[in-house]
N, C-alpha and C. Protein backbone atom coordinates (compact mmCIF):
# COMPACT_ATOMS: atom_id res chain seq x y z
N MET A 1 -23.87 -10.65 -33.50
CA MET A 1 -23.01 -11.20 -34.49
C MET A 1 -23.11 -12.77 -34.36
N PRO A 2 -24.15 -13.39 -34.96
CA PRO A 2 -24.31 -14.83 -34.91
C PRO A 2 -23.06 -15.57 -35.47
N GLY A 3 -22.79 -16.69 -34.82
CA GLY A 3 -21.64 -17.51 -35.30
C GLY A 3 -20.31 -16.99 -34.66
N ARG A 4 -20.35 -15.98 -33.87
CA ARG A 4 -19.11 -15.50 -33.32
C ARG A 4 -18.50 -16.59 -32.43
N THR A 5 -17.21 -16.80 -32.59
CA THR A 5 -16.52 -17.83 -31.81
C THR A 5 -15.31 -17.33 -31.03
N THR A 6 -14.82 -16.11 -31.41
CA THR A 6 -13.57 -15.63 -30.84
C THR A 6 -13.69 -14.17 -30.43
N GLN A 7 -13.11 -13.89 -29.27
CA GLN A 7 -13.05 -12.51 -28.85
C GLN A 7 -11.75 -12.18 -28.21
N VAL A 8 -11.49 -10.87 -28.08
CA VAL A 8 -10.21 -10.42 -27.46
C VAL A 8 -10.59 -9.72 -26.14
N GLU A 9 -9.68 -9.83 -25.21
CA GLU A 9 -9.72 -9.06 -23.95
C GLU A 9 -8.47 -8.20 -23.99
N VAL A 10 -8.70 -6.89 -23.79
CA VAL A 10 -7.55 -5.97 -23.93
C VAL A 10 -7.37 -5.29 -22.56
N ILE A 11 -6.26 -5.62 -21.90
CA ILE A 11 -5.96 -4.99 -20.60
C ILE A 11 -5.02 -3.80 -20.85
N VAL A 12 -5.59 -2.61 -20.72
CA VAL A 12 -4.85 -1.39 -20.96
C VAL A 12 -4.16 -0.98 -19.66
N PHE A 13 -2.89 -0.60 -19.73
CA PHE A 13 -2.19 -0.14 -18.55
C PHE A 13 -1.22 0.99 -18.88
N LYS A 14 -0.81 1.68 -17.84
CA LYS A 14 0.26 2.67 -17.94
C LYS A 14 1.09 2.59 -16.71
N ILE A 15 2.28 3.12 -16.82
CA ILE A 15 3.20 3.08 -15.65
C ILE A 15 3.45 4.55 -15.22
N VAL A 16 3.00 4.86 -14.03
CA VAL A 16 3.12 6.18 -13.46
C VAL A 16 3.96 6.11 -12.14
N ASN A 17 5.05 6.82 -12.10
CA ASN A 17 5.91 6.79 -10.90
C ASN A 17 6.27 5.36 -10.56
N ASP A 18 6.66 4.55 -11.55
CA ASP A 18 7.07 3.17 -11.34
C ASP A 18 5.97 2.24 -10.83
N LYS A 19 4.69 2.70 -10.91
CA LYS A 19 3.53 1.91 -10.51
C LYS A 19 2.73 1.58 -11.78
N ILE A 20 2.32 0.28 -11.89
CA ILE A 20 1.51 -0.09 -12.96
C ILE A 20 0.01 0.18 -12.56
N LEU A 21 -0.66 0.89 -13.46
CA LEU A 21 -2.05 1.20 -13.24
C LEU A 21 -2.86 0.65 -14.41
N PHE A 22 -3.91 -0.13 -14.08
CA PHE A 22 -4.71 -0.79 -15.07
C PHE A 22 -6.05 0.01 -15.28
N LEU A 23 -6.50 0.02 -16.52
CA LEU A 23 -7.77 0.66 -16.84
C LEU A 23 -8.91 -0.39 -16.69
N LEU A 24 -9.89 0.02 -15.87
CA LEU A 24 -11.10 -0.79 -15.72
C LEU A 24 -12.29 0.09 -16.20
N LEU A 25 -13.21 -0.55 -16.86
CA LEU A 25 -14.44 0.08 -17.37
C LEU A 25 -15.64 -0.58 -16.78
N LYS A 26 -16.60 0.22 -16.35
CA LYS A 26 -17.81 -0.30 -15.77
C LYS A 26 -18.87 -0.33 -16.89
N ARG A 27 -19.36 -1.53 -17.19
CA ARG A 27 -20.39 -1.69 -18.22
C ARG A 27 -21.69 -1.03 -17.77
N ASN A 28 -22.48 -0.50 -18.73
CA ASN A 28 -23.78 0.09 -18.32
C ASN A 28 -24.68 -1.00 -17.82
N GLU A 29 -25.73 -0.64 -17.13
CA GLU A 29 -26.63 -1.56 -16.46
C GLU A 29 -27.24 -2.57 -17.43
N GLN A 30 -27.60 -2.11 -18.63
CA GLN A 30 -28.19 -3.00 -19.67
C GLN A 30 -27.20 -4.15 -20.01
N LYS A 31 -25.92 -3.88 -19.87
CA LYS A 31 -24.89 -4.88 -20.18
C LYS A 31 -24.28 -5.53 -18.93
N GLY A 32 -24.96 -5.38 -17.80
CA GLY A 32 -24.52 -6.13 -16.61
C GLY A 32 -24.02 -5.24 -15.47
N GLY A 33 -23.58 -4.04 -15.75
CA GLY A 33 -23.12 -3.10 -14.68
C GLY A 33 -21.90 -3.57 -13.90
N PHE A 34 -21.06 -4.37 -14.51
CA PHE A 34 -19.84 -4.81 -13.79
C PHE A 34 -18.60 -4.24 -14.38
N TRP A 35 -17.46 -4.29 -13.62
CA TRP A 35 -16.21 -3.77 -14.03
C TRP A 35 -15.46 -4.83 -14.86
N GLN A 36 -14.76 -4.35 -15.88
CA GLN A 36 -14.03 -5.30 -16.76
C GLN A 36 -12.99 -4.57 -17.56
N PRO A 37 -12.09 -5.26 -18.24
CA PRO A 37 -11.23 -4.65 -19.18
C PRO A 37 -12.00 -4.54 -20.50
N ILE A 38 -11.42 -4.03 -21.54
CA ILE A 38 -11.98 -4.00 -22.87
C ILE A 38 -12.18 -5.44 -23.31
N THR A 39 -13.38 -5.72 -23.90
CA THR A 39 -13.58 -7.01 -24.51
C THR A 39 -14.43 -6.82 -25.79
N GLY A 40 -14.24 -7.70 -26.76
CA GLY A 40 -15.02 -7.57 -27.95
C GLY A 40 -14.77 -8.67 -28.87
N GLY A 41 -15.68 -8.92 -29.79
CA GLY A 41 -15.60 -9.97 -30.76
C GLY A 41 -14.62 -9.63 -31.90
N VAL A 42 -14.09 -10.73 -32.43
CA VAL A 42 -13.23 -10.61 -33.60
C VAL A 42 -14.05 -10.80 -34.85
N HIS A 43 -14.02 -9.85 -35.78
CA HIS A 43 -14.82 -9.90 -36.98
C HIS A 43 -14.25 -10.95 -37.97
N ASP A 44 -15.14 -11.44 -38.81
CA ASP A 44 -14.68 -12.35 -39.85
C ASP A 44 -13.53 -11.76 -40.67
N GLY A 45 -12.47 -12.51 -40.86
CA GLY A 45 -11.33 -12.04 -41.60
C GLY A 45 -10.42 -11.11 -40.90
N GLU A 46 -10.68 -10.73 -39.67
CA GLU A 46 -9.89 -9.83 -38.89
C GLU A 46 -8.87 -10.61 -38.06
N SER A 47 -7.62 -10.09 -38.02
CA SER A 47 -6.65 -10.73 -37.14
C SER A 47 -6.91 -10.37 -35.69
N LEU A 48 -6.33 -11.12 -34.78
CA LEU A 48 -6.51 -10.84 -33.36
C LEU A 48 -5.93 -9.44 -33.07
N ALA A 49 -4.70 -9.15 -33.62
CA ALA A 49 -4.06 -7.84 -33.38
C ALA A 49 -4.93 -6.72 -33.90
N ASP A 50 -5.57 -6.86 -35.08
CA ASP A 50 -6.39 -5.82 -35.56
C ASP A 50 -7.66 -5.64 -34.72
N ALA A 51 -8.22 -6.76 -34.16
CA ALA A 51 -9.36 -6.65 -33.30
C ALA A 51 -8.99 -5.92 -31.97
N VAL A 52 -7.77 -6.16 -31.46
CA VAL A 52 -7.30 -5.45 -30.29
C VAL A 52 -7.30 -3.95 -30.55
N LYS A 53 -6.68 -3.53 -31.70
CA LYS A 53 -6.57 -2.14 -32.01
C LYS A 53 -7.97 -1.50 -32.21
N ARG A 54 -8.88 -2.19 -32.90
CA ARG A 54 -10.19 -1.67 -33.15
C ARG A 54 -10.98 -1.55 -31.82
N GLU A 55 -10.95 -2.55 -31.00
CA GLU A 55 -11.68 -2.50 -29.69
C GLU A 55 -11.10 -1.39 -28.79
N LEU A 56 -9.80 -1.27 -28.79
CA LEU A 56 -9.14 -0.22 -28.03
C LEU A 56 -9.74 1.16 -28.47
N LEU A 57 -9.79 1.37 -29.77
CA LEU A 57 -10.30 2.70 -30.26
C LEU A 57 -11.79 2.80 -29.97
N GLU A 58 -12.61 1.78 -30.24
CA GLU A 58 -14.04 1.86 -30.05
C GLU A 58 -14.43 2.08 -28.65
N GLU A 59 -13.77 1.41 -27.70
CA GLU A 59 -14.18 1.48 -26.32
C GLU A 59 -13.57 2.55 -25.45
N THR A 60 -12.43 3.08 -25.96
CA THR A 60 -11.70 4.13 -25.14
C THR A 60 -11.32 5.39 -25.95
N GLY A 61 -11.39 5.29 -27.26
CA GLY A 61 -10.87 6.46 -28.07
C GLY A 61 -9.39 6.52 -28.19
N ILE A 62 -8.70 5.51 -27.59
CA ILE A 62 -7.26 5.51 -27.65
C ILE A 62 -6.68 4.99 -28.96
N ARG A 63 -5.87 5.77 -29.64
CA ARG A 63 -5.27 5.42 -30.92
C ARG A 63 -3.81 5.04 -30.74
N ASP A 64 -3.14 5.75 -29.85
CA ASP A 64 -1.72 5.58 -29.70
C ASP A 64 -1.37 4.75 -28.48
N TYR A 65 -0.44 3.89 -28.69
CA TYR A 65 0.01 3.00 -27.64
C TYR A 65 1.52 2.74 -27.76
N ILE A 66 2.12 2.32 -26.68
CA ILE A 66 3.59 2.05 -26.67
C ILE A 66 3.85 0.66 -27.15
N ARG A 67 3.10 -0.34 -26.67
CA ARG A 67 3.38 -1.73 -27.03
C ARG A 67 2.14 -2.59 -26.76
N ILE A 68 1.97 -3.56 -27.63
CA ILE A 68 0.92 -4.60 -27.42
C ILE A 68 1.63 -5.88 -27.04
N TYR A 69 1.17 -6.44 -25.94
CA TYR A 69 1.70 -7.72 -25.39
C TYR A 69 0.63 -8.80 -25.71
N ASP A 70 1.09 -9.82 -26.50
CA ASP A 70 0.15 -10.87 -26.85
C ASP A 70 0.48 -12.19 -26.05
N ASN A 71 -0.34 -13.23 -26.24
CA ASN A 71 -0.14 -14.48 -25.59
C ASN A 71 -0.10 -14.33 -24.04
N ILE A 72 -0.88 -13.43 -23.48
CA ILE A 72 -0.93 -13.24 -22.04
C ILE A 72 -1.67 -14.38 -21.38
N HIS A 73 -2.86 -14.69 -21.90
CA HIS A 73 -3.71 -15.71 -21.34
C HIS A 73 -4.74 -16.09 -22.42
N TYR A 74 -5.29 -17.31 -22.29
CA TYR A 74 -6.37 -17.77 -23.20
C TYR A 74 -7.28 -18.62 -22.40
N PHE A 75 -8.55 -18.49 -22.70
CA PHE A 75 -9.57 -19.34 -22.01
C PHE A 75 -10.78 -19.43 -22.91
N GLU A 76 -11.66 -20.38 -22.57
CA GLU A 76 -12.89 -20.55 -23.27
C GLU A 76 -14.01 -20.52 -22.22
N PHE A 77 -15.16 -20.04 -22.63
CA PHE A 77 -16.34 -20.06 -21.74
C PHE A 77 -17.57 -20.19 -22.61
N ASP A 78 -18.63 -20.67 -21.97
CA ASP A 78 -19.89 -20.93 -22.66
C ASP A 78 -20.87 -19.76 -22.45
N THR A 79 -21.61 -19.41 -23.53
CA THR A 79 -22.59 -18.39 -23.49
C THR A 79 -23.89 -18.91 -24.10
N GLU A 80 -24.99 -18.35 -23.66
CA GLU A 80 -26.28 -18.75 -24.27
C GLU A 80 -26.38 -18.28 -25.71
N LYS A 81 -25.92 -17.04 -25.91
CA LYS A 81 -26.10 -16.41 -27.26
C LYS A 81 -25.20 -17.00 -28.31
N TYR A 82 -23.90 -17.27 -27.97
CA TYR A 82 -22.92 -17.65 -28.95
C TYR A 82 -22.36 -19.08 -28.82
N GLY A 83 -22.76 -19.77 -27.77
CA GLY A 83 -22.11 -21.08 -27.46
C GLY A 83 -20.77 -20.86 -26.86
N THR A 84 -19.76 -21.71 -27.17
CA THR A 84 -18.47 -21.61 -26.60
C THR A 84 -17.69 -20.50 -27.28
N LEU A 85 -17.11 -19.57 -26.52
CA LEU A 85 -16.27 -18.54 -27.02
C LEU A 85 -14.86 -18.79 -26.64
N LYS A 86 -13.93 -18.44 -27.48
CA LYS A 86 -12.54 -18.46 -27.25
C LYS A 86 -12.07 -16.98 -27.00
N GLU A 87 -11.39 -16.81 -25.88
CA GLU A 87 -10.93 -15.38 -25.56
C GLU A 87 -9.45 -15.34 -25.41
N TYR A 88 -8.85 -14.44 -26.20
CA TYR A 88 -7.41 -14.22 -26.18
C TYR A 88 -7.14 -12.87 -25.45
N VAL A 89 -6.23 -12.98 -24.49
CA VAL A 89 -5.98 -11.78 -23.67
C VAL A 89 -4.65 -11.12 -24.06
N PHE A 90 -4.78 -9.84 -24.27
CA PHE A 90 -3.64 -8.96 -24.66
C PHE A 90 -3.46 -7.88 -23.63
N GLY A 91 -2.24 -7.38 -23.52
CA GLY A 91 -1.96 -6.20 -22.73
C GLY A 91 -1.59 -5.06 -23.66
N VAL A 92 -2.01 -3.90 -23.35
CA VAL A 92 -1.64 -2.70 -24.17
C VAL A 92 -1.14 -1.61 -23.24
N ARG A 93 0.15 -1.29 -23.43
CA ARG A 93 0.74 -0.18 -22.65
C ARG A 93 0.51 1.13 -23.39
N VAL A 94 0.05 2.14 -22.63
CA VAL A 94 -0.14 3.48 -23.15
C VAL A 94 0.74 4.43 -22.36
N ALA A 95 0.98 5.60 -22.94
CA ALA A 95 1.80 6.58 -22.25
C ALA A 95 1.11 7.04 -20.94
N ASP A 96 1.89 7.49 -20.05
CA ASP A 96 1.34 7.85 -18.68
C ASP A 96 0.41 9.07 -18.73
N ASN A 97 0.45 9.82 -19.81
CA ASN A 97 -0.43 10.96 -19.91
C ASN A 97 -1.73 10.67 -20.68
N ILE A 98 -1.91 9.45 -21.16
CA ILE A 98 -3.05 9.06 -21.94
C ILE A 98 -4.24 8.86 -21.01
N ASP A 99 -5.44 9.26 -21.48
CA ASP A 99 -6.63 8.93 -20.70
C ASP A 99 -7.67 8.42 -21.71
N ALA A 100 -8.65 7.68 -21.23
CA ALA A 100 -9.65 7.12 -22.06
C ALA A 100 -10.83 8.01 -22.08
N LYS A 101 -11.68 7.73 -23.17
CA LYS A 101 -13.02 8.39 -23.25
C LYS A 101 -14.02 7.25 -23.18
N LEU A 102 -15.06 7.45 -22.41
CA LEU A 102 -16.05 6.39 -22.23
C LEU A 102 -16.86 6.24 -23.52
N SER A 103 -17.13 5.02 -23.87
CA SER A 103 -18.04 4.67 -24.94
C SER A 103 -19.42 4.54 -24.35
N PRO A 104 -20.50 4.49 -25.17
CA PRO A 104 -21.85 4.31 -24.64
C PRO A 104 -22.00 3.00 -23.91
N GLU A 105 -21.10 2.08 -24.13
CA GLU A 105 -21.14 0.75 -23.48
C GLU A 105 -20.79 0.82 -22.00
N HIS A 106 -20.08 1.89 -21.58
CA HIS A 106 -19.62 1.98 -20.18
C HIS A 106 -20.11 3.30 -19.53
N THR A 107 -20.15 3.25 -18.19
CA THR A 107 -20.61 4.43 -17.45
C THR A 107 -19.51 5.03 -16.59
N GLU A 108 -18.50 4.22 -16.29
CA GLU A 108 -17.39 4.76 -15.43
C GLU A 108 -16.07 4.11 -15.88
N MET A 109 -14.94 4.77 -15.46
CA MET A 109 -13.66 4.15 -15.72
C MET A 109 -12.76 4.50 -14.53
N LYS A 110 -11.76 3.65 -14.29
CA LYS A 110 -10.81 3.86 -13.24
C LYS A 110 -9.43 3.37 -13.73
N TRP A 111 -8.36 4.06 -13.31
CA TRP A 111 -6.96 3.54 -13.46
C TRP A 111 -6.60 3.10 -12.04
N CYS A 112 -6.27 1.84 -11.86
CA CYS A 112 -6.00 1.38 -10.49
C CYS A 112 -4.92 0.35 -10.46
N PRO A 113 -4.23 0.16 -9.32
CA PRO A 113 -3.21 -0.85 -9.15
C PRO A 113 -3.87 -2.22 -9.19
N LEU A 114 -3.01 -3.28 -9.31
CA LEU A 114 -3.50 -4.62 -9.45
C LEU A 114 -4.47 -5.05 -8.37
N ASP A 115 -4.16 -4.78 -7.08
CA ASP A 115 -4.97 -5.23 -5.99
C ASP A 115 -6.38 -4.66 -6.09
N LYS A 116 -6.50 -3.39 -6.41
CA LYS A 116 -7.84 -2.75 -6.55
C LYS A 116 -8.57 -3.32 -7.78
N ALA A 117 -7.81 -3.56 -8.89
CA ALA A 117 -8.41 -4.14 -10.11
C ALA A 117 -8.98 -5.53 -9.75
N LEU A 118 -8.24 -6.32 -9.05
CA LEU A 118 -8.68 -7.66 -8.69
C LEU A 118 -9.95 -7.65 -7.82
N ASP A 119 -10.05 -6.62 -6.98
CA ASP A 119 -11.25 -6.43 -6.11
C ASP A 119 -12.45 -6.12 -6.94
N LEU A 120 -12.26 -5.35 -8.02
CA LEU A 120 -13.38 -4.80 -8.81
C LEU A 120 -13.81 -5.80 -9.86
N LEU A 121 -12.92 -6.59 -10.43
CA LEU A 121 -13.28 -7.48 -11.54
C LEU A 121 -14.25 -8.53 -11.11
N LYS A 122 -15.15 -8.85 -11.94
CA LYS A 122 -16.19 -9.84 -11.63
C LYS A 122 -15.73 -11.29 -11.91
N TYR A 123 -15.09 -11.49 -13.06
CA TYR A 123 -14.82 -12.86 -13.50
C TYR A 123 -13.42 -13.26 -13.17
N ASP A 124 -13.27 -14.55 -12.68
CA ASP A 124 -11.95 -15.13 -12.38
C ASP A 124 -11.03 -15.17 -13.62
N SER A 125 -11.62 -15.42 -14.74
CA SER A 125 -10.84 -15.50 -16.01
C SER A 125 -10.14 -14.15 -16.25
N ASN A 126 -10.85 -13.06 -16.00
CA ASN A 126 -10.30 -11.75 -16.15
C ASN A 126 -9.17 -11.49 -15.12
N LYS A 127 -9.45 -11.89 -13.87
CA LYS A 127 -8.46 -11.76 -12.79
C LYS A 127 -7.17 -12.51 -13.18
N THR A 128 -7.30 -13.70 -13.72
CA THR A 128 -6.14 -14.45 -14.11
C THR A 128 -5.33 -13.72 -15.18
N GLY A 129 -5.99 -13.16 -16.18
CA GLY A 129 -5.29 -12.38 -17.22
C GLY A 129 -4.56 -11.23 -16.62
N PHE A 130 -5.17 -10.51 -15.70
CA PHE A 130 -4.48 -9.36 -15.05
C PHE A 130 -3.25 -9.78 -14.28
N LYS A 131 -3.36 -10.91 -13.52
CA LYS A 131 -2.27 -11.43 -12.75
C LYS A 131 -1.09 -11.82 -13.65
N LYS A 132 -1.44 -12.50 -14.74
CA LYS A 132 -0.38 -12.99 -15.65
C LYS A 132 0.33 -11.83 -16.31
N LEU A 133 -0.42 -10.79 -16.71
CA LEU A 133 0.22 -9.63 -17.29
C LEU A 133 1.08 -8.88 -16.28
N PHE A 134 0.57 -8.74 -15.04
CA PHE A 134 1.39 -8.11 -13.99
C PHE A 134 2.67 -8.88 -13.77
N ASP A 135 2.58 -10.20 -13.67
CA ASP A 135 3.80 -11.03 -13.48
C ASP A 135 4.76 -10.84 -14.62
N LEU A 136 4.27 -10.79 -15.83
CA LEU A 136 5.14 -10.58 -17.00
C LEU A 136 5.88 -9.21 -16.89
N LEU A 137 5.13 -8.22 -16.53
CA LEU A 137 5.68 -6.85 -16.45
C LEU A 137 6.62 -6.70 -15.28
N SER A 138 6.42 -7.49 -14.25
CA SER A 138 7.24 -7.38 -13.05
C SER A 138 8.49 -8.23 -13.08
N ALA A 139 8.62 -9.08 -14.11
CA ALA A 139 9.77 -10.03 -14.18
C ALA A 139 11.03 -9.34 -14.50
């Protein structure tokens, strides 16, 4: 998608027995082979909220959610392919009985507590988003 400048990061979580569990997805080897939350570009004319819902469905098959949390975190980073990208971080709470379906983009998934998620995540910007969402949910 040439000219892309904006993307969303969607941190999916559920609360099971009063514990927050975050969904992590492992990208396939062709896409780096690392653990991350849902991420994806915002299409021309698409709102951030609509991009969150579309990426949630495309990457996990999840249609139903309890709540979307916005304004969790924002950062920019440089890429060779697109130049500088702006990334808006959202949290999405799903019911405790919901599970995800892997897309072809990913090879594994895990629901895990914050400490395990932070150990698995590759990028500090992702870790910051997870910490900020956890702090918001724990307040």
